[in-house]
Structure formats: C-alpha cells, structure tokens
Amino acid sequence: MARTASRTRSTSETLIEVSIDLDGNGVTDISTGIPFYDHMLDQIGRHGGFDLVVKAEGDIDIDTHHTVEDVAITLGEVFADALGDKAGVRRFASGRYPLDEALIDIALDLSGRPHVEWHVEIPESLPLGSPAFDPQLAEHAVTSFATAASITLHVELVRGRNTHHIVEATFKGLARALRDAVRIEDAAGVPSTKGVL
C-alpha cells in the first residue's frame, strides 16, 4: 500500500500545498519564497528519503513567520496522513547528527501523542537569507511539524557555535530519524501494546 498523501491549507495569510511519498527516493520540489527555509525542507526530503513537494505563497512582505508555521503544520498533517495506521513501522528512532562543529541529539517516537522537548540554544545572529529566516523560527517550525504529525520529539544541542550549522544539523538529524522510524520492520501489526498509535 502506497504511503503517500497530499494536502492544501488556505488561510488569509498563506496558501500551502504539500505532498509526500514516504517510500520515495528523496526527490524534492520546494518553493516557499524563503530560500533558507527551502534549503531546510529540502534536507527533510533528501535525508528522509521522502519524495516531497512543497508550494507556498504567503505574506512574507510582512513577516516570514506565517509561511514557516503554516508549511510546518501542513507538512506534519501530510506526514501523519501518509503513515496511516503505522502498521509495521519501527516507531522509535534516535541519534546524534553532526555538521562541522555543531552536534544535535534527536530522539523521536511516532507515538500519536504530540510532545516536543526543545533544548537548542540558538546563538545571537543575523537572520539567514533573503527574505530573512529568523533562526528562532527553527524551534517553531520543528514544534509545529511534530505537533501536527502527533510525534513525541526531543531535540538537544550537544555543542555548536555557527547558527546555520546548528539549524541545518537539526533538520538533517530530524530527517534521518524520521527515515529510520517509518521503516517497515514487521507488517503484521502496529508496534504498540494498545494495538493503535
């Protein structure tokens, strides 16, 4: 059974279209109008091994916050839709992920219970790219995604100085952990004593 899903989210601030294939080849087509965010979402697809399409139009002339948030919410919803009943998935995944001097620890559970522990101190720095991506939005994007996808997620900065490296290591690490967690190990059932996730 194909683990694919698509959604459109339309508000007075944004118009978002997202589609995902969890069993893809890491092919991405990302356009949010925020180049650094596009780069981070590309990491999710490529390092997650997901075919991912994200098209967004938002009020980025006012601020990039609305677009970042609405894309993350829609991506989380599409991810949950594509997972379906989660039969046979590995469910848990964790690891440490480096990018030069930055090292991020990620642990997640496709639990059906949204919860995020974010322990990543972002150094004071200028926004990234143009239109600007405020590095403080990394927490909001990751939290919005995990909440919409009903994932329990822990993210911790082990060490790091460069803001770009810290944020990118976070997105790459999240992608790799998601790739591991969605892997089918036992098609016989859902990995939970409750029988549902």
Protein backbone atom coordinates (compact mmCIF):
# COMPACT_ATOMS: atom_id res chain seq x y z
CA MET A 1 0.00 0.00 0.00
CA ALA A 2 1.37 3.38 -1.03
CA ARG A 3 2.32 5.65 1.85
CA THR A 4 1.54 8.93 0.13
CA ALA A 5 -0.57 11.96 0.98
CA SER A 6 -1.33 15.49 -0.17
CA ARG A 7 -2.99 18.47 1.44
CA THR A 8 -3.81 22.11 0.77
CA ARG A 9 -4.04 24.69 3.56
CA SER A 10 -5.58 28.05 2.74
CA THR A 11 -5.80 30.95 5.18
CA SER A 12 -5.96 34.71 4.88
CA GLU A 13 -2.17 34.70 5.30
CA THR A 14 -0.97 31.72 3.26
CA LEU A 15 -1.77 29.16 0.58
CA ILE A 16 0.15 25.92 1.10
CA GLU A 17 0.26 22.74 -0.98
CA VAL A 18 2.25 19.73 0.25
CA SER A 19 2.59 16.16 -0.98
CA ILE A 20 4.81 13.37 0.31
CA ASP A 21 5.78 9.81 -0.54
CA LEU A 22 7.41 8.18 2.48
CA ASP A 23 8.84 5.43 0.29
CA GLY A 24 10.31 7.73 -2.33
CA ASN A 25 13.86 8.47 -3.42
CA GLY A 26 14.49 11.83 -1.76
CA VAL A 27 13.32 13.84 -4.76
CA THR A 28 12.18 17.32 -3.72
CA ASP A 29 10.47 20.33 -5.25
CA ILE A 30 10.35 23.10 -2.66
CA SER A 31 9.24 26.71 -3.09
CA THR A 32 8.14 28.77 -0.09
CA GLY A 33 9.56 32.15 -1.07
CA ILE A 34 12.05 31.83 1.81
CA PRO A 35 15.30 30.40 0.39
CA PHE A 36 16.86 29.26 3.68
CA TYR A 37 13.61 27.51 4.69
CA ASP A 38 13.51 25.86 1.26
CA HIS A 39 17.02 24.58 1.97
CA MET A 40 15.92 23.12 5.34
CA LEU A 41 12.80 21.47 3.88
CA ASP A 42 14.97 20.02 1.13
CA GLN A 43 17.00 18.35 3.89
CA ILE A 44 13.82 16.70 5.21
CA GLY A 45 13.07 15.17 1.82
CA ARG A 46 16.58 14.24 0.74
CA HIS A 47 17.86 12.87 4.04
CA GLY A 48 14.49 11.36 4.94
CA GLY A 49 14.35 9.53 1.61
CA PHE A 50 10.92 11.09 1.03
CA ASP A 51 9.67 12.48 -2.26
CA LEU A 52 8.46 15.88 -1.11
CA VAL A 53 6.68 18.74 -2.86
CA VAL A 54 6.02 21.99 -1.00
CA LYS A 55 4.50 25.03 -2.70
CA ALA A 56 3.71 28.07 -0.58
CA GLU A 57 2.53 31.61 -1.10
CA GLY A 58 2.44 33.79 1.99
CA ASP A 59 2.55 37.32 3.34
CA ILE A 60 6.35 37.31 3.50
CA ASP A 61 6.35 41.04 2.80
CA ILE A 62 5.02 41.39 6.37
CA ASP A 63 6.99 38.57 8.01
CA THR A 64 8.12 35.03 7.23
CA HIS A 65 6.57 33.63 10.42
CA HIS A 66 3.14 32.79 8.98
CA THR A 67 4.58 30.93 6.00
CA VAL A 68 7.08 28.98 8.10
CA GLU A 69 4.38 27.96 10.57
CA ASP A 70 1.70 27.02 8.04
CA VAL A 71 4.11 24.98 5.92
CA ALA A 72 5.29 23.09 9.02
CA ILE A 73 1.72 22.38 10.14
CA THR A 74 0.70 21.16 6.69
CA LEU A 75 3.82 19.02 6.36
CA GLY A 76 3.07 17.42 9.73
CA GLU A 77 -0.52 16.68 8.73
CA VAL A 78 0.56 15.18 5.41
CA PHE A 79 3.23 13.10 7.14
CA ALA A 80 0.61 11.70 9.55
CA ASP A 81 -1.80 11.01 6.69
CA ALA A 82 0.87 9.11 4.75
CA LEU A 83 1.75 6.99 7.81
CA GLY A 84 -1.83 5.78 8.09
CA ASP A 85 -2.28 3.26 10.92
CA LYS A 86 1.54 2.84 11.23
CA ALA A 87 1.33 -0.92 10.87
CA GLY A 88 4.80 -2.46 10.86
CA VAL A 89 6.80 0.73 11.37
CA ARG A 90 9.92 0.75 13.52
CA ARG A 91 8.29 3.61 15.50
CA PHE A 92 11.30 4.78 17.57
CA ALA A 93 14.50 6.39 16.31
CA SER A 94 17.35 8.38 17.76
CA GLY A 95 20.85 9.52 17.00
CA ARG A 96 23.48 12.24 17.12
CA TYR A 97 23.97 14.24 13.97
CA PRO A 98 26.97 16.48 13.23
CA LEU A 99 27.53 19.37 10.86
CA ASP A 100 31.08 20.62 11.28
CA GLU A 101 31.34 21.91 14.88
CA ALA A 102 27.60 21.53 15.57
CA LEU A 103 26.21 18.33 17.09
CA ILE A 104 22.49 17.69 17.59
CA ASP A 105 20.83 14.86 19.52
CA ILE A 106 17.43 13.71 18.23
CA ALA A 107 15.07 11.11 19.68
CA LEU A 108 11.53 10.53 18.45
CA ASP A 109 8.54 8.25 18.79
CA LEU A 110 5.69 8.02 16.28
CA SER A 111 3.52 7.76 19.35
CA GLY A 112 0.33 9.53 18.33
CA ARG A 113 0.97 11.78 21.35
CA PRO A 114 2.39 15.14 20.30
CA HIS A 115 5.08 16.40 22.65
CA VAL A 116 8.27 18.36 21.97
CA GLU A 117 11.27 18.96 24.19
CA TRP A 118 13.45 21.61 22.52
CA HIS A 119 16.79 22.27 24.18
CA VAL A 120 18.63 24.15 21.47
CA GLU A 121 20.13 27.50 22.35
CA ILE A 122 20.49 29.47 19.13
CA PRO A 123 23.41 31.93 19.21
CA GLU A 124 22.65 35.58 18.60
CA SER A 125 22.99 36.03 14.85
CA LEU A 126 21.61 37.82 11.86
CA PRO A 127 18.62 36.32 10.05
CA LEU A 128 19.55 33.84 7.33
CA GLY A 129 18.88 34.52 3.66
CA SER A 130 16.57 36.98 1.93
CA PRO A 131 13.68 37.19 2.57
CA ALA A 132 15.04 36.55 6.04
CA PHE A 133 14.59 33.35 8.02
CA ASP A 134 14.87 34.22 11.70
CA PRO A 135 16.87 31.36 13.29
CA GLN A 136 14.47 31.49 16.25
CA LEU A 137 11.81 30.14 13.86
CA ALA A 138 13.61 26.79 13.71
CA GLU A 139 12.04 25.82 17.04
CA HIS A 140 8.61 26.92 15.89
CA ALA A 141 8.88 25.05 12.59
CA VAL A 142 10.05 21.79 14.19
CA THR A 143 7.49 22.02 17.01
CA SER A 144 4.63 22.81 14.62
CA PHE A 145 5.58 19.86 12.42
CA ALA A 146 5.89 17.37 15.29
CA THR A 147 2.66 18.52 16.90
CA ALA A 148 0.68 18.24 13.66
CA ALA A 149 2.24 14.82 12.97
CA SER A 150 1.50 13.62 16.56
CA ILE A 151 5.14 12.79 17.22
CA THR A 152 6.99 12.80 20.54
CA LEU A 153 10.25 14.57 19.77
CA HIS A 154 13.31 15.51 21.81
CA VAL A 155 15.92 17.83 20.29
CA GLU A 156 19.07 18.82 22.16
CA LEU A 157 22.10 20.81 21.13
CA VAL A 158 25.20 18.96 22.31
CA ARG A 159 27.57 21.64 21.03
CA GLY A 160 27.80 24.23 18.30
CA ARG A 161 28.70 27.84 17.54
CA ASN A 162 27.56 28.55 13.99
CA THR A 163 23.82 29.27 13.74
CA HIS A 164 23.49 27.93 10.20
CA HIS A 165 25.24 24.70 11.18
CA ILE A 166 23.06 24.23 14.28
CA VAL A 167 19.80 24.74 12.40
CA GLU A 168 20.84 22.60 9.44
CA ALA A 169 22.09 19.77 11.66
CA THR A 170 18.69 19.85 13.38
CA PHE A 171 16.75 19.46 10.14
CA LYS A 172 19.12 16.80 8.78
CA GLY A 173 19.00 14.89 12.05
CA LEU A 174 15.21 15.08 12.16
CA ALA A 175 15.07 13.76 8.60
CA ARG A 176 17.35 10.82 9.34
CA ALA A 177 15.44 9.92 12.49
CA LEU A 178 12.12 10.09 10.63
CA ARG A 179 13.55 7.87 7.89
CA ASP A 180 14.54 5.28 10.47
CA ALA A 181 11.26 5.46 12.42
CA VAL A 182 8.97 4.99 9.39
CA ARG A 183 10.89 1.95 8.12
CA ILE A 184 8.70 -1.13 7.88
CA GLU A 185 10.05 -3.87 10.13
CA ASP A 186 7.02 -6.10 10.72
CA ALA A 187 3.97 -5.77 8.50
CA ALA A 188 1.99 -7.94 10.91
CA GLY A 189 0.81 -5.16 13.19
CA VAL A 190 1.11 -1.84 14.94
CA PRO A 191 4.11 -1.60 17.34
CA SER A 192 2.10 -0.86 20.46
CA THR A 193 0.62 -2.96 23.28
CA LYS A 194 -2.57 -0.91 22.79
CA GLY A 195 -2.85 -2.02 19.18
CA VAL A 196 -3.04 1.56 17.91
CA LEU A 197 -0.72 4.53 17.65
